[in-house]
Amino acid sequence: MRLPFAEVRPVLPPEKEWLIKFYIYEGLPFILAGPPGTGKSLAARYWVKVITGKEPVKIDITEDTELVHILGDIDWRRLLAEAHPASPLSRMRAEDFGSLYERYYVPSAAVRAMLEGRVLIVEELDRCGRDTLFPVFFDMIEYKRAYIPALQREIKAAEGFNVIITVNRETDIGTVNLPDALLRRCRRIFIPNPDFETEVKIVLANIPDAPEALVRQVVRAVQTLRKMELEHKPAPSETVEWVADIVRMFGAVESPSADHLKATISAICKDSQDEAKILEAIDSVLKKEGRRKRARR
């Protein structure tokens, strides 16, 4: 039985998938927003490869991300190691330092994407801890250019460069509002948590040999949990992991018991305060499922 984690085609509402493909094909920058685990990064990565034929370049933004992480820097250790008295470096004139910096410059992933004409996926830009980073992306997005302080000059992106941004702000903590100047330069696609049938398709796309009855029961439980007051509400990616764990531990069971579901809740329960609520919800879902089956007889 094939279990997840090999890349599969993302399952999204058709209108969202169409927009993603259209913007990538047209080379238009856009933001993918929505709760964590809804397939934003997977969709961006998958359709960029399909449409452009090139792997996208991905960078992860955190509160500690600095300009040098976005624009690259001089390899000062190597430069200083080679700048001994007998080295030609010691006899360089001031006007020669431009070529010197070119020699020791280490481009960042974002700069490589620009120079190679590839799509740059900026993950979780709403976790940015420095307002000074945003203007860098303004220029990349609008003008396909960036000023590189280490080189003391501007670089221009090769044909094919584009920017896709993902944000989790809808439900996540530790995030910031993106500035209006950035929003004006980008389209925005919101990826919501999937409805029941879409989530079933997501799980089966990742684990095609899983019994559909098992998948439907697990998805029904997850959809119930998302409506509850939990510290951590399971994402669709965790639904896939829950089904995968059941299959690994107990095989392809058609109708999972309470023991099957409860033994594997570590796939979806990420906060100790939620455990009792989740166990109780599992019992409730199974009772409803039992009544549903009896009513169909």
Foldseek 3Di string as FASTA:
>chain_A
DFAFDDQFAAQAPPVLLVVLLVCLLVQAEAEEEEAPQLCPVSSNQVSLCVRVVDGAQEDEAAQPDDPCQQFWAFPVVVVVVQPDPVHVVVVDDPVCVLVVLVVRTDGHSNVVCQAVLHEYEYEAPQNHNDPVVQVQVLCCLPVQKGQRVSNRGIDHGDHNYHYYYYHNPPPDPNGHDDDPSVVVRHHYDYGYQDDLVSLLVRLCRRVVPAASLLLSLLSVLLVVQQVDPDPFRFGSVLSNVQSSVLCVPPNRDNHDDLCSNLVRCVSGDPDPVCNVVSSVSSVVSVVVVVVVVVVVD
